[in-house]
Amino acid sequence: MYRPEPLDVVVVDGHWYNPLHLGIMWRGLDPGCHCLTTKNVDGAVWSPEGKGILNKTLADYSGRTISAHRYRGQLDRDKLWRWGYETQKTCKGYNFKAWAGFATGLKSLANDETRYTCAEWPYWLFHGNGYPLTPNDEAFIYPRFFRFNPLFEEIFRGQI
């Protein structure tokens, strides 16, 4: 059973029959198609979607296969929470241009610091706040990034 801790990154697997999921899974070379970031042990999450960074819970994804990933190092949780809540308030919506960019490979579509894709959001939560996840800033972050990054430990895989 998955016991969330604050700032876990959860990757939700897609459905083969959903064309949007298929595109993400194909480009990402992995069944993961959506990322959530946990806020607390009760399962509240930040979920970047069309209207912005939504407040949801893990229960909203019941019946879906997920993997949960925890940062291996020490974190300044207060700093990351402040960034998360502030960014949620100022986010202008989902970064559909970046989504189109990683669907097509056009990196020129990826730069909008007021909008986030589901995988960009946890990447910048860590990477932009003193916890570098890659040597250079990445243009495209796919959900699979958290499954295969050695800075994160997979602590759960299965259904909620």
C-alpha atoms as a PDB file:
ATOM      1  CA  MET A   1       0.000   0.000   0.000  1.00  0.00           C
ATOM      2  CA  TYR A   2       1.259   3.462  -0.876  1.00  0.00           C
ATOM      3  CA  ARG A   3       1.777   5.844   2.040  1.00  0.00           C
ATOM      4  CA  PRO A   4       2.381   9.309   0.582  1.00  0.00           C
ATOM      5  CA  GLU A   5       4.851  11.749   2.008  1.00  0.00           C
ATOM      6  CA  PRO A   6       5.028  15.417   1.083  1.00  0.00           C
ATOM      7  CA  LEU A   7       6.758  16.136  -2.234  1.00  0.00           C
ATOM      8  CA  ASP A   8       6.553  12.627  -3.669  1.00  0.00           C
ATOM      9  CA  VAL A   9       6.210  12.670  -7.458  1.00  0.00           C
ATOM     10  CA  VAL A  10       3.514  10.278  -8.668  1.00  0.00           C
ATOM     11  CA  VAL A  11       3.479   9.083 -12.271  1.00  0.00           C
ATOM     12  CA  VAL A  12       0.086   7.900 -13.541  1.00  0.00           C
ATOM     13  CA  ASP A  13       0.005   5.373 -16.374  1.00  0.00           C
ATOM     14  CA  GLY A  14      -2.100   6.146 -19.427  1.00  0.00           C
ATOM     15  CA  HIS A  15      -4.822   4.260 -21.224  1.00  0.00           C
ATOM     16  CA  TRP A  16      -3.987   2.733 -24.609  1.00  0.00           C
ATOM     17  CA  TYR A  17      -7.392   3.823 -25.971  1.00  0.00           C
ATOM     18  CA  ASN A  18      -6.923   7.534 -25.170  1.00  0.00           C
ATOM     19  CA  PRO A  19      -5.238   9.339 -28.117  1.00  0.00           C
ATOM     20  CA  LEU A  20      -3.698  12.001 -25.829  1.00  0.00           C
ATOM     21  CA  HIS A  21      -2.249   9.327 -23.556  1.00  0.00           C
ATOM     22  CA  LEU A  22      -0.961   7.368 -26.548  1.00  0.00           C
ATOM     23  CA  GLY A  23       1.005  10.368 -27.824  1.00  0.00           C
ATOM     24  CA  ILE A  24       2.654  10.958 -24.454  1.00  0.00           C
ATOM     25  CA  MET A  25       3.420   7.275 -23.957  1.00  0.00           C
ATOM     26  CA  TRP A  26       4.855   7.004 -27.480  1.00  0.00           C
ATOM     27  CA  ARG A  27       7.096  10.086 -27.164  1.00  0.00           C
ATOM     28  CA  GLY A  28       8.056   9.246 -23.579  1.00  0.00           C
ATOM     29  CA  LEU A  29       8.776   5.560 -24.335  1.00  0.00           C
ATOM     30  CA  ASP A  30       6.907   4.635 -21.154  1.00  0.00           C
ATOM     31  CA  PRO A  31       3.294   4.035 -20.075  1.00  0.00           C
ATOM     32  CA  GLY A  32       3.454   7.077 -17.752  1.00  0.00           C
ATOM     33  CA  CYS A  33       1.314   9.941 -19.054  1.00  0.00           C
ATOM     34  CA  HIS A  34       0.658  12.261 -16.085  1.00  0.00           C
ATOM     35  CA  CYS A  35       2.545  13.546 -13.021  1.00  0.00           C
ATOM     36  CA  LEU A  36       1.198  14.619  -9.652  1.00  0.00           C
ATOM     37  CA  THR A  37       3.115  15.998  -6.689  1.00  0.00           C
ATOM     38  CA  THR A  38       1.931  15.178  -3.182  1.00  0.00           C
ATOM     39  CA  LYS A  39       1.337  17.981  -0.713  1.00  0.00           C
ATOM     40  CA  ASN A  40       0.872  15.929   2.442  1.00  0.00           C
ATOM     41  CA  VAL A  41       0.433  12.477   3.980  1.00  0.00           C
ATOM     42  CA  ASP A  42      -3.340  12.634   3.436  1.00  0.00           C
ATOM     43  CA  GLY A  43      -2.926  12.307  -0.336  1.00  0.00           C
ATOM     44  CA  ALA A  44      -3.614  15.889  -1.439  1.00  0.00           C
ATOM     45  CA  VAL A  45      -1.770  16.594  -4.693  1.00  0.00           C
ATOM     46  CA  TRP A  46      -0.906  19.353  -7.122  1.00  0.00           C
ATOM     47  CA  SER A  47      -2.081  18.244 -10.580  1.00  0.00           C
ATOM     48  CA  PRO A  48      -1.130  20.453 -13.557  1.00  0.00           C
ATOM     49  CA  GLU A  49      -4.002  20.241 -16.017  1.00  0.00           C
ATOM     50  CA  GLY A  50      -5.780  22.384 -18.585  1.00  0.00           C
ATOM     51  CA  LYS A  51      -7.050  25.009 -16.156  1.00  0.00           C
ATOM     52  CA  GLY A  52      -3.822  25.302 -14.185  1.00  0.00           C
ATOM     53  CA  ILE A  53      -2.385  23.507 -11.200  1.00  0.00           C
ATOM     54  CA  LEU A  54      -5.425  21.899  -9.621  1.00  0.00           C
ATOM     55  CA  ASN A  55      -5.967  20.709  -6.076  1.00  0.00           C
ATOM     56  CA  LYS A  56      -6.805  17.024  -6.255  1.00  0.00           C
ATOM     57  CA  THR A  57      -6.257  13.892  -4.211  1.00  0.00           C
ATOM     58  CA  LEU A  58      -4.730  10.534  -4.975  1.00  0.00           C
ATOM     59  CA  ALA A  59      -8.240   9.084  -4.642  1.00  0.00           C
ATOM     60  CA  ASP A  60      -9.147  10.931  -7.865  1.00  0.00           C
ATOM     61  CA  TYR A  61      -6.878   8.426  -9.625  1.00  0.00           C
ATOM     62  CA  SER A  62      -8.186   5.260  -7.981  1.00  0.00           C
ATOM     63  CA  GLY A  63      -8.092   2.244 -10.247  1.00  0.00           C
ATOM     64  CA  ARG A  64      -5.164   3.672 -12.229  1.00  0.00           C
ATOM     65  CA  THR A  65      -1.670   2.213 -12.143  1.00  0.00           C
ATOM     66  CA  ILE A  66       0.841   4.608 -10.618  1.00  0.00           C
ATOM     67  CA  SER A  67       4.415   4.717  -9.475  1.00  0.00           C
ATOM     68  CA  ALA A  68       5.480   6.973  -6.596  1.00  0.00           C
ATOM     69  CA  HIS A  69       8.977   8.471  -6.424  1.00  0.00           C
ATOM     70  CA  ARG A  70      10.697  10.106  -3.482  1.00  0.00           C
ATOM     71  CA  TYR A  71      13.705  12.413  -3.676  1.00  0.00           C
ATOM     72  CA  ARG A  72      16.683  10.621  -2.101  1.00  0.00           C
ATOM     73  CA  GLY A  73      18.341  13.650  -0.481  1.00  0.00           C
ATOM     74  CA  GLN A  74      17.451  16.090   2.266  1.00  0.00           C
ATOM     75  CA  LEU A  75      14.939  18.774   1.300  1.00  0.00           C
ATOM     76  CA  ASP A  76      13.973  22.195   2.580  1.00  0.00           C
ATOM     77  CA  ARG A  77      10.287  21.278   2.538  1.00  0.00           C
ATOM     78  CA  ASP A  78       9.139  24.752   3.607  1.00  0.00           C
ATOM     79  CA  LYS A  79      10.943  26.372   0.669  1.00  0.00           C
ATOM     80  CA  LEU A  80       9.477  23.868  -1.785  1.00  0.00           C
ATOM     81  CA  TRP A  81       5.950  24.176  -0.359  1.00  0.00           C
ATOM     82  CA  ARG A  82       6.136  27.987  -0.571  1.00  0.00           C
ATOM     83  CA  TRP A  83       7.214  27.756  -4.208  1.00  0.00           C
ATOM     84  CA  GLY A  84       4.468  25.203  -4.915  1.00  0.00           C
ATOM     85  CA  TYR A  85       1.651  27.235  -3.415  1.00  0.00           C
ATOM     86  CA  GLU A  86       2.892  30.530  -4.910  1.00  0.00           C
ATOM     87  CA  THR A  87       3.360  28.999  -8.361  1.00  0.00           C
ATOM     88  CA  GLN A  88      -0.079  27.410  -8.171  1.00  0.00           C
ATOM     89  CA  LYS A  89      -1.587  30.875  -7.557  1.00  0.00           C
ATOM     90  CA  THR A  90       0.319  32.573 -10.393  1.00  0.00           C
ATOM     91  CA  CYS A  91       0.173  29.771 -12.977  1.00  0.00           C
ATOM     92  CA  LYS A  92      -1.696  30.882 -16.107  1.00  0.00           C
ATOM     93  CA  GLY A  93      -2.765  27.382 -17.128  1.00  0.00           C
ATOM     94  CA  TYR A  94      -1.380  24.275 -18.743  1.00  0.00           C
ATOM     95  CA  ASN A  95       1.567  24.663 -21.107  1.00  0.00           C
ATOM     96  CA  PHE A  96      -0.137  23.372 -24.248  1.00  0.00           C
ATOM     97  CA  LYS A  97       2.670  24.808 -26.418  1.00  0.00           C
ATOM     98  CA  ALA A  98       5.238  22.699 -24.577  1.00  0.00           C
ATOM     99  CA  TRP A  99       2.947  19.687 -24.897  1.00  0.00           C
ATOM    100  CA  ALA A 100       2.787  20.313 -28.659  1.00  0.00           C
ATOM    101  CA  GLY A 101       6.576  20.770 -28.588  1.00  0.00           C
ATOM    102  CA  PHE A 102       7.320  17.443 -27.004  1.00  0.00           C
ATOM    103  CA  ALA A 103       4.717  15.755 -29.215  1.00  0.00           C
ATOM    104  CA  THR A 104       6.501  17.135 -32.304  1.00  0.00           C
ATOM    105  CA  GLY A 105      10.070  17.582 -31.040  1.00  0.00           C
ATOM    106  CA  LEU A 106      10.056  21.376 -31.597  1.00  0.00           C
ATOM    107  CA  LYS A 107      11.968  22.804 -28.632  1.00  0.00           C
ATOM    108  CA  SER A 108      11.103  26.368 -29.595  1.00  0.00           C
ATOM    109  CA  LEU A 109       7.597  25.766 -28.223  1.00  0.00           C
ATOM    110  CA  ALA A 110       8.795  24.865 -24.734  1.00  0.00           C
ATOM    111  CA  ASN A 111       9.589  28.215 -23.113  1.00  0.00           C
ATOM    112  CA  ASP A 112       6.773  29.652 -20.995  1.00  0.00           C
ATOM    113  CA  GLU A 113       7.601  30.280 -17.360  1.00  0.00           C
ATOM    114  CA  THR A 114       3.971  31.026 -16.428  1.00  0.00           C
ATOM    115  CA  ARG A 115       2.528  27.702 -17.596  1.00  0.00           C
ATOM    116  CA  TYR A 116       3.512  24.104 -16.867  1.00  0.00           C
ATOM    117  CA  THR A 117       2.955  20.625 -18.205  1.00  0.00           C
ATOM    118  CA  CYS A 118       2.375  17.942 -15.601  1.00  0.00           C
ATOM    119  CA  ALA A 119       6.018  16.790 -15.665  1.00  0.00           C
ATOM    120  CA  GLU A 120       7.540  20.266 -15.948  1.00  0.00           C
ATOM    121  CA  TRP A 121       5.952  21.336 -12.682  1.00  0.00           C
ATOM    122  CA  PRO A 122       7.714  18.864 -10.333  1.00  0.00           C
ATOM    123  CA  TYR A 123      10.908  19.235 -12.377  1.00  0.00           C
ATOM    124  CA  TRP A 124      10.994  23.006 -11.710  1.00  0.00           C
ATOM    125  CA  LEU A 125       9.803  22.525  -8.143  1.00  0.00           C
ATOM    126  CA  PHE A 126      13.070  20.701  -7.425  1.00  0.00           C
ATOM    127  CA  HIS A 127      15.443  21.869 -10.159  1.00  0.00           C
ATOM    128  CA  GLY A 128      14.559  25.549  -9.884  1.00  0.00           C
ATOM    129  CA  ASN A 129      14.803  25.630  -6.095  1.00  0.00           C
ATOM    130  CA  GLY A 130      18.300  24.363  -5.424  1.00  0.00           C
ATOM    131  CA  TYR A 131      17.950  20.635  -6.139  1.00  0.00           C
ATOM    132  CA  PRO A 132      19.409  20.193  -9.638  1.00  0.00           C
ATOM    133  CA  LEU A 133      17.977  17.142 -11.377  1.00  0.00           C
ATOM    134  CA  THR A 134      19.974  17.463 -14.597  1.00  0.00           C
ATOM    135  CA  PRO A 135      23.289  19.175 -15.463  1.00  0.00           C
ATOM    136  CA  ASN A 136      21.462  21.666 -17.741  1.00  0.00           C
ATOM    137  CA  ASP A 137      17.898  22.959 -17.863  1.00  0.00           C
ATOM    138  CA  GLU A 138      15.790  20.505 -19.821  1.00  0.00           C
ATOM    139  CA  ALA A 139      13.406  21.671 -22.554  1.00  0.00           C
ATOM    140  CA  PHE A 140      11.196  18.574 -22.412  1.00  0.00           C
ATOM    141  CA  ILE A 141      10.399  16.611 -19.307  1.00  0.00           C
ATOM    142  CA  TYR A 142       8.282  13.508 -19.766  1.00  0.00           C
ATOM    143  CA  PRO A 143       6.546  11.718 -16.871  1.00  0.00           C
ATOM    144  CA  ARG A 144       9.048   8.858 -17.256  1.00  0.00           C
ATOM    145  CA  PHE A 145      11.821  11.248 -16.126  1.00  0.00           C
ATOM    146  CA  PHE A 146      10.964  10.587 -12.480  1.00  0.00           C
ATOM    147  CA  ARG A 147      10.833   6.818 -12.966  1.00  0.00           C
ATOM    148  CA  PHE A 148      14.384   6.675 -14.258  1.00  0.00           C
ATOM    149  CA  ASN A 149      16.166   9.550 -12.505  1.00  0.00           C
ATOM    150  CA  PRO A 150      18.640   8.131  -9.949  1.00  0.00           C
ATOM    151  CA  LEU A 151      17.932  11.070  -7.604  1.00  0.00           C
ATOM    152  CA  PHE A 152      14.480   9.564  -6.981  1.00  0.00           C
ATOM    153  CA  GLU A 153      13.662   6.226  -5.414  1.00  0.00           C
ATOM    154  CA  GLU A 154      10.592   4.343  -6.576  1.00  0.00           C
ATOM    155  CA  ILE A 155       8.713   3.576  -3.377  1.00  0.00           C
ATOM    156  CA  PHE A 156       5.502   2.160  -4.838  1.00  0.00           C
ATOM    157  CA  ARG A 157       4.148   0.744  -8.082  1.00  0.00           C
ATOM    158  CA  GLY A 158       0.617  -0.527  -8.431  1.00  0.00           C
ATOM    159  CA  GLN A 159      -2.963   0.643  -8.215  1.00  0.00           C
ATOM    160  CA  ILE A 160      -4.301   3.111  -5.713  1.00  0.00           C
END
